[in-house]
Amino acid sequence: MTSPDLVLAWRRLRPWFRAAAWFCLGVIVVLSLVPGSERPQTGYPGKIEHMIAYAGAGLFAALGYERSRSRRTYWALAAALSFLLEYLQHFSPGRSPNILDAVASSFGLTAGMALGASLLALFVSRPE
């Protein structure tokens, strides 16, 4: 059962979730292309960083986009972006592209979107 208050709150927050999803991708673009010496270090392995960053973007996208088609479009664009950014690291000093980083990013994106879709299915009834 879903609470009408929860559904109303989600509907009010949808635009913010969408904005957060695109903001996350913007931050990912910047951090992916800055020179290696200027990139902040978290201490986690690179693939874990990729998965976490893209999982956050995917979670926000899943919570922000009500239609499955919109979610699939976001997923396709973000996954393609992860591969493009890896390629573009050829041109960034101190950075080196790695196809497995893009795969980790896509995996994190998928996991975040699956989590968001699951949360909506559990707590918010919405049309598809």
Protein backbone atom coordinates (compact mmCIF):
# COMPACT_ATOMS: atom_id res chain seq x y z
CA MET A 1 0.00 0.00 0.00
CA THR A 2 1.17 3.48 -0.75
CA SER A 3 0.42 6.56 1.23
CA PRO A 4 -1.22 9.46 -0.66
CA ASP A 5 1.19 11.77 1.16
CA LEU A 6 4.16 9.79 -0.12
CA VAL A 7 2.85 9.90 -3.68
CA LEU A 8 2.27 13.65 -3.44
CA ALA A 9 5.75 14.22 -2.01
CA TRP A 10 7.33 12.15 -4.80
CA ARG A 11 5.41 14.09 -7.46
CA ARG A 12 6.64 17.37 -5.99
CA LEU A 13 10.22 16.11 -5.86
CA ARG A 14 10.35 14.62 -9.37
CA PRO A 15 11.73 17.77 -11.03
CA TRP A 16 14.42 17.99 -8.36
CA PHE A 17 15.37 14.35 -8.88
CA ARG A 18 15.65 14.99 -12.62
CA ALA A 19 17.80 18.05 -12.05
CA ALA A 20 20.00 16.09 -9.64
CA ALA A 21 20.42 13.31 -12.21
CA TRP A 22 21.64 15.74 -14.88
CA PHE A 23 23.76 17.67 -12.37
CA CYS A 24 25.46 14.40 -11.41
CA LEU A 25 26.31 13.76 -15.06
CA GLY A 26 27.70 17.29 -15.35
CA VAL A 27 29.95 16.72 -12.35
CA ILE A 28 31.02 13.37 -13.79
CA VAL A 29 31.96 15.06 -17.10
CA VAL A 30 34.09 17.68 -15.36
CA LEU A 31 35.82 15.20 -13.05
CA SER A 32 36.42 12.80 -15.93
CA LEU A 33 38.18 15.38 -18.07
CA VAL A 34 40.25 17.41 -15.61
CA PRO A 35 43.95 16.61 -15.62
CA GLY A 36 44.91 13.76 -13.33
CA SER A 37 46.82 16.05 -10.98
CA GLU A 38 43.70 18.19 -10.37
CA ARG A 39 41.22 15.36 -9.86
CA PRO A 40 40.12 14.89 -6.24
CA GLN A 41 41.13 11.53 -4.78
CA THR A 42 38.74 9.56 -2.60
CA GLY A 43 41.07 6.73 -1.73
CA TYR A 44 38.73 4.16 -3.28
CA PRO A 45 39.73 2.14 -6.34
CA GLY A 46 38.80 3.88 -9.61
CA LYS A 47 36.18 1.36 -10.63
CA ILE A 48 34.41 1.74 -7.27
CA GLU A 49 34.43 5.53 -7.73
CA HIS A 50 32.90 5.08 -11.19
CA MET A 51 30.20 2.74 -9.93
CA ILE A 52 29.24 5.02 -7.02
CA ALA A 53 29.14 8.18 -9.14
CA TYR A 54 26.99 6.64 -11.85
CA ALA A 55 24.81 4.79 -9.32
CA GLY A 56 23.92 8.13 -7.76
CA ALA A 57 23.03 9.60 -11.15
CA GLY A 58 20.99 6.51 -11.98
CA LEU A 59 19.13 6.57 -8.68
CA PHE A 60 18.12 10.19 -9.17
CA ALA A 61 17.10 9.51 -12.78
CA ALA A 62 14.93 6.56 -11.81
CA LEU A 63 13.24 8.64 -9.12
CA GLY A 64 12.83 11.60 -11.45
CA TYR A 65 11.53 9.96 -14.57
CA GLU A 66 8.14 8.36 -14.27
CA ARG A 67 7.99 6.70 -17.68
CA SER A 68 10.06 3.64 -18.50
CA ARG A 69 10.94 5.11 -21.90
CA SER A 70 12.40 8.23 -20.29
CA ARG A 71 14.45 6.08 -17.94
CA ARG A 72 15.75 3.95 -20.80
CA THR A 73 16.70 7.09 -22.74
CA TYR A 74 18.60 8.50 -19.76
CA TRP A 75 20.33 5.15 -19.24
CA ALA A 76 21.38 4.95 -22.90
CA LEU A 77 22.72 8.51 -22.92
CA ALA A 78 24.57 8.14 -19.62
CA ALA A 79 26.06 4.76 -20.57
CA ALA A 80 27.21 6.12 -23.94
CA LEU A 81 28.64 9.14 -22.13
CA SER A 82 30.71 6.89 -19.88
CA PHE A 83 32.39 5.31 -22.91
CA LEU A 84 32.87 8.69 -24.61
CA LEU A 85 34.47 10.16 -21.49
CA GLU A 86 36.87 7.25 -21.27
CA TYR A 87 37.92 7.87 -24.86
CA LEU A 88 38.31 11.61 -24.26
CA GLN A 89 40.72 10.92 -21.41
CA HIS A 90 43.31 10.31 -24.16
CA PHE A 91 43.46 14.10 -24.44
CA SER A 92 43.61 14.94 -20.73
CA PRO A 93 47.09 15.15 -19.18
CA GLY A 94 47.77 12.52 -16.55
CA ARG A 95 44.68 10.50 -17.47
CA SER A 96 44.45 7.20 -19.25
CA PRO A 97 41.30 5.62 -20.66
CA ASN A 98 40.24 2.16 -19.56
CA ILE A 99 37.30 0.34 -21.09
CA LEU A 100 36.68 -1.47 -17.80
CA ASP A 101 36.09 1.89 -16.11
CA ALA A 102 33.28 2.57 -18.59
CA VAL A 103 31.86 -0.90 -17.94
CA ALA A 104 31.98 -0.23 -14.17
CA SER A 105 30.23 3.10 -14.77
CA SER A 106 27.48 1.43 -16.77
CA PHE A 107 27.10 -1.23 -14.11
CA GLY A 108 26.76 1.43 -11.39
CA LEU A 109 24.25 3.33 -13.52
CA THR A 110 22.18 0.18 -13.97
CA ALA A 111 22.32 -0.66 -10.27
CA GLY A 112 21.30 2.87 -9.25
CA MET A 113 18.41 2.90 -11.68
CA ALA A 114 17.27 -0.55 -10.55
CA LEU A 115 17.34 0.60 -6.92
CA GLY A 116 15.35 3.73 -7.74
CA ALA A 117 12.77 1.79 -9.76
CA SER A 118 12.46 -0.73 -6.93
CA LEU A 119 11.90 2.00 -4.37
CA LEU A 120 9.19 3.53 -6.51
CA ALA A 121 7.53 0.16 -7.03
CA LEU A 122 7.56 -0.46 -3.27
CA PHE A 123 6.46 2.91 -2.01
CA VAL A 124 4.78 4.87 -4.78
CA SER A 125 2.07 3.71 -7.14
CA ARG A 126 2.52 5.48 -10.45
CA PRO A 127 1.38 5.01 -14.03
CA GLU A 128 3.76 3.64 -16.65
